[in-house]
Amino acid sequence: MQKTKKFSFGRFFLLIGKILISSVIFSVLLVAIYTVVHPPITPLMLIRPIEGIFSGKFVGINRDWKSFDEISPFVFRAVIGAEDGKFMKHDGFDWNAIKRARRVNAMRKGKRLIGASTISMQTSKNVFLWPGRNYVRKALEAYFTVLIEAIWGKKRILEIYVNSIEWGNGIYGVEAASQEYFNKSASELTKSEAALLAAVLPNPRKWSPAKPTPYIKKRARSIQGRMGVAIPK
């Protein structure tokens, strides 16, 4: 008669340990692969069509990958100026911005919270994770941020960022956005056009670079004034 195995905490924790180690190995290998292979799709690209099915406004995926050297330098300067002025200096986290956000958010209970995500953190979220603000996702975001900073470096992070972010309904990456809004390749974008693209990033499904509101025009002018930042070579 076969004996029933009794529950063992030791066996349970051994299983959990194996799962964690396997997850770490898989994540490191995936980040390493993406050093030379372009991420084919992101979680958000899968989520949006599903949302569209339930809302009755289905959208596809419009994306055309371009390498770093095929994109206007103005684009990189614009997104750094708009989203993360210390991108070239930090290790993936802007600790001063994080402290400031915590202090401000503590006083804004019930109101819209401000964030302190760097471009590296946004890239981690966009490529590997799902939208949301829960602690599990934020912890994973921090973990992947450390990995991509160590393995990819600034140039690859920036390249993947501008090729993966949402720039409108069903529009992902700067090439698709450039063609949609300005009828030209991302390599031909001017300083003002790049600034307009960066200006709508906080809410790209609400605002359009091709039809900027007074607020977006003002924000784009402000971004142009911050586009003297250094970019990776």
Protein backbone atom coordinates (compact mmCIF):
# COMPACT_ATOMS: atom_id res chain seq x y z
CA MET A 1 0.00 0.00 0.00
CA GLN A 2 1.50 3.29 -1.13
CA LYS A 3 2.19 5.75 1.65
CA THR A 4 0.85 9.29 1.36
CA LYS A 5 3.62 11.87 1.46
CA LYS A 6 3.26 14.25 4.38
CA PHE A 7 3.48 17.96 3.89
CA SER A 8 7.00 19.18 4.53
CA PHE A 9 7.95 22.83 5.02
CA GLY A 10 11.47 21.95 3.95
CA ARG A 11 10.26 20.46 0.66
CA PHE A 12 7.93 23.45 0.14
CA PHE A 13 10.68 26.03 0.65
CA LEU A 14 13.01 24.02 -1.58
CA LEU A 15 10.39 24.19 -4.36
CA ILE A 16 9.95 27.93 -3.86
CA GLY A 17 13.73 28.36 -3.96
CA LYS A 18 13.99 26.45 -7.23
CA ILE A 19 11.22 28.58 -8.76
CA LEU A 20 12.92 31.80 -7.68
CA ILE A 21 16.32 30.70 -8.99
CA SER A 22 14.78 29.61 -12.31
CA SER A 23 12.96 32.94 -12.58
CA VAL A 24 16.16 34.89 -11.99
CA ILE A 25 18.09 32.84 -14.55
CA PHE A 26 15.30 33.22 -17.12
CA SER A 27 15.02 36.99 -16.59
CA VAL A 28 18.78 37.53 -16.88
CA LEU A 29 18.90 35.44 -20.08
CA LEU A 30 15.95 37.33 -21.55
CA VAL A 31 17.54 40.71 -20.84
CA ALA A 32 20.82 39.44 -22.32
CA ILE A 33 19.03 38.23 -25.47
CA TYR A 34 17.38 41.62 -25.88
CA THR A 35 20.83 43.17 -26.05
CA VAL A 36 21.01 42.01 -29.66
CA VAL A 37 17.43 40.92 -30.44
CA HIS A 38 14.67 43.52 -30.59
CA PRO A 39 11.77 42.83 -28.21
CA PRO A 40 9.09 41.54 -30.61
CA ILE A 41 6.11 42.67 -28.53
CA THR A 42 5.33 44.16 -25.12
CA PRO A 43 2.61 43.30 -22.58
CA LEU A 44 0.84 46.61 -23.29
CA MET A 45 0.65 45.78 -27.00
CA LEU A 46 -1.28 42.66 -26.03
CA ILE A 47 -3.45 44.37 -23.43
CA ARG A 48 -4.70 47.24 -25.62
CA PRO A 49 -6.39 45.04 -28.28
CA ILE A 50 -8.12 43.06 -25.53
CA GLU A 51 -9.36 46.31 -23.98
CA GLY A 52 -10.54 47.37 -27.42
CA ILE A 53 -12.60 44.21 -27.86
CA PHE A 54 -14.52 44.89 -24.65
CA SER A 55 -14.90 48.63 -25.34
CA GLY A 56 -15.93 48.16 -28.98
CA LYS A 57 -12.93 50.20 -30.19
CA PHE A 58 -10.47 47.56 -31.33
CA VAL A 59 -7.06 48.79 -32.48
CA GLY A 60 -4.20 46.85 -33.98
CA ILE A 61 -0.46 47.21 -33.46
CA ASN A 62 1.36 49.76 -35.62
CA ARG A 63 5.10 49.48 -35.03
CA ASP A 64 8.20 49.72 -37.20
CA TRP A 65 11.51 49.22 -35.42
CA LYS A 66 14.38 51.58 -36.21
CA SER A 67 17.92 51.31 -34.93
CA PHE A 68 19.52 54.06 -32.85
CA ASP A 69 21.37 55.53 -35.84
CA GLU A 70 18.18 55.59 -37.97
CA ILE A 71 16.42 57.94 -35.54
CA SER A 72 16.89 61.69 -35.40
CA PRO A 73 19.08 62.71 -32.43
CA PHE A 74 16.42 65.32 -31.66
CA VAL A 75 14.11 62.49 -30.56
CA PHE A 76 16.52 61.25 -27.90
CA ARG A 77 17.24 64.77 -26.69
CA ALA A 78 13.52 65.51 -26.52
CA VAL A 79 12.51 62.44 -24.51
CA ILE A 80 15.41 62.92 -22.10
CA GLY A 81 14.55 66.60 -21.70
CA ALA A 82 10.88 65.77 -21.16
CA GLU A 83 11.04 62.59 -19.10
CA ASP A 84 14.41 62.21 -17.41
CA GLY A 85 16.93 65.05 -17.45
CA LYS A 86 19.44 63.05 -15.41
CA PHE A 87 19.25 59.95 -17.62
CA MET A 88 22.93 59.99 -18.55
CA LYS A 89 24.03 60.47 -14.94
CA HIS A 90 21.94 58.13 -12.79
CA ASP A 91 22.16 54.37 -12.28
CA GLY A 92 18.55 53.78 -13.27
CA PHE A 93 16.95 55.58 -10.34
CA ASP A 94 16.70 59.31 -9.65
CA TRP A 95 16.77 59.13 -5.86
CA ASN A 96 16.20 62.84 -5.35
CA ALA A 97 13.11 62.72 -7.58
CA ILE A 98 11.84 59.65 -5.70
CA LYS A 99 12.22 61.42 -2.34
CA ARG A 100 10.50 64.52 -3.69
CA ALA A 101 7.62 62.47 -5.12
CA ARG A 102 7.09 60.72 -1.79
CA ARG A 103 7.05 64.03 0.06
CA VAL A 104 4.63 65.67 -2.38
CA ASN A 105 2.33 62.63 -2.64
CA ALA A 106 2.07 62.45 1.16
CA MET A 107 0.47 65.88 1.03
CA ARG A 108 -1.79 65.12 -1.95
CA LYS A 109 -4.07 62.49 -0.48
CA GLY A 110 -7.09 61.95 -2.69
CA LYS A 111 -5.47 63.83 -5.57
CA ARG A 112 -3.53 62.63 -8.60
CA LEU A 113 -0.11 61.39 -7.51
CA ILE A 114 3.13 62.41 -9.20
CA GLY A 115 5.71 59.87 -10.28
CA ALA A 116 9.49 59.70 -10.32
CA SER A 117 10.07 57.05 -12.99
CA THR A 118 13.24 57.37 -15.02
CA ILE A 119 13.47 56.34 -18.66
CA SER A 120 15.19 53.14 -17.48
CA MET A 121 12.29 52.36 -15.13
CA GLN A 122 9.73 53.11 -17.85
CA THR A 123 11.58 50.84 -20.27
CA SER A 124 11.58 48.01 -17.74
CA LYS A 125 7.85 48.40 -17.25
CA ASN A 126 7.05 48.72 -20.96
CA VAL A 127 9.11 45.75 -22.14
CA PHE A 128 8.69 43.22 -19.35
CA LEU A 129 5.72 44.13 -17.16
CA TRP A 130 2.10 45.23 -17.04
CA PRO A 131 0.60 48.66 -16.20
CA GLY A 132 -0.20 49.28 -12.57
CA ARG A 133 1.00 50.75 -9.30
CA ASN A 134 1.00 47.79 -6.91
CA TYR A 135 4.08 46.92 -4.86
CA VAL A 136 4.79 43.64 -6.65
CA ARG A 137 4.98 45.31 -10.03
CA LYS A 138 7.07 48.18 -8.68
CA ALA A 139 9.51 45.70 -7.10
CA LEU A 140 9.84 43.81 -10.40
CA GLU A 141 10.28 47.12 -12.21
CA ALA A 142 13.18 48.00 -9.91
CA TYR A 143 14.71 44.54 -10.44
CA PHE A 144 14.55 44.78 -14.24
CA THR A 145 15.86 48.35 -14.10
CA VAL A 146 19.02 47.13 -12.36
CA LEU A 147 19.39 44.38 -14.97
CA ILE A 148 19.01 46.57 -18.04
CA GLU A 149 21.32 49.26 -16.68
CA ALA A 150 23.98 46.60 -16.06
CA ILE A 151 23.50 44.60 -19.27
CA TRP A 152 22.14 46.97 -21.93
CA GLY A 153 23.71 50.30 -21.10
CA LYS A 154 22.27 53.74 -21.84
CA LYS A 155 22.30 53.60 -25.64
CA ARG A 156 20.37 50.33 -25.88
CA ILE A 157 17.92 51.41 -23.17
CA LEU A 158 17.16 54.59 -25.10
CA GLU A 159 16.82 52.72 -28.41
CA ILE A 160 14.37 50.20 -26.95
CA TYR A 161 12.47 52.92 -25.10
CA VAL A 162 11.67 55.03 -28.17
CA ASN A 163 10.80 51.90 -30.18
CA SER A 164 8.43 50.48 -27.57
CA ILE A 165 6.48 53.29 -25.92
CA GLU A 166 2.86 53.99 -26.77
CA TRP A 167 2.38 57.08 -28.93
CA GLY A 168 -1.35 56.92 -29.63
CA ASN A 169 -4.08 54.35 -30.12
CA GLY A 170 -2.32 51.31 -31.56
CA ILE A 171 0.83 53.34 -32.29
CA TYR A 172 4.08 52.11 -30.77
CA GLY A 173 7.55 53.47 -31.29
CA VAL A 174 8.86 56.64 -32.82
CA GLU A 175 8.85 55.48 -36.46
CA ALA A 176 5.14 54.61 -36.43
CA ALA A 177 4.42 57.88 -34.58
CA SER A 178 6.48 59.93 -37.01
CA GLN A 179 4.73 58.43 -40.03
CA GLU A 180 1.29 58.81 -38.43
CA TYR A 181 1.62 62.42 -37.28
CA PHE A 182 4.18 63.98 -39.64
CA ASN A 183 4.24 61.69 -42.71
CA LYS A 184 7.99 61.24 -42.54
CA SER A 185 10.58 58.86 -41.18
CA ALA A 186 11.90 59.22 -37.64
CA SER A 187 15.30 60.03 -39.12
CA GLU A 188 13.88 63.25 -40.62
CA LEU A 189 12.17 64.66 -37.54
CA THR A 190 12.99 68.26 -36.72
CA LYS A 191 13.68 69.67 -33.28
CA SER A 192 10.16 71.09 -32.93
CA GLU A 193 8.51 67.86 -34.15
CA ALA A 194 10.55 65.77 -31.72
CA ALA A 195 9.57 68.12 -28.90
CA LEU A 196 5.88 67.76 -29.81
CA LEU A 197 6.18 63.97 -29.77
CA ALA A 198 7.82 64.09 -26.35
CA ALA A 199 5.24 66.58 -25.06
CA VAL A 200 2.34 64.13 -25.44
CA LEU A 201 4.03 61.18 -23.70
CA PRO A 202 2.23 61.64 -20.36
CA ASN A 203 -1.05 60.84 -22.13
CA PRO A 204 -0.46 59.86 -25.78
CA ARG A 205 -3.99 58.56 -26.33
CA LYS A 206 -5.50 61.89 -25.31
CA TRP A 207 -3.12 64.35 -27.00
CA SER A 208 -1.91 64.47 -30.60
CA PRO A 209 1.45 65.92 -31.76
CA ALA A 210 -0.18 66.77 -35.10
CA LYS A 211 -2.98 68.77 -33.42
CA PRO A 212 -1.37 70.17 -30.29
CA THR A 213 -3.47 71.98 -27.71
CA PRO A 214 -2.18 75.28 -26.28
CA TYR A 215 -0.92 73.30 -23.28
CA ILE A 216 1.02 70.86 -25.49
CA LYS A 217 2.50 73.74 -27.52
CA LYS A 218 3.68 75.38 -24.31
CA ARG A 219 5.07 72.10 -23.02
CA ALA A 220 6.87 71.45 -26.33
CA ARG A 221 8.52 74.90 -26.17
CA SER A 222 9.69 74.12 -22.66
CA ILE A 223 11.09 70.78 -23.81
CA GLN A 224 12.99 72.46 -26.66
CA GLY A 225 14.72 74.58 -24.05
CA ARG A 226 15.95 71.40 -22.34
CA MET A 227 17.17 69.60 -25.45
CA GLY A 228 20.82 70.52 -24.99
CA VAL A 229 21.33 67.35 -22.95
CA ALA A 230 23.98 64.79 -23.81
CA ILE A 231 22.97 61.55 -25.52
CA PRO A 232 24.84 58.22 -25.89
CA LYS A 233 27.35 57.92 -28.71
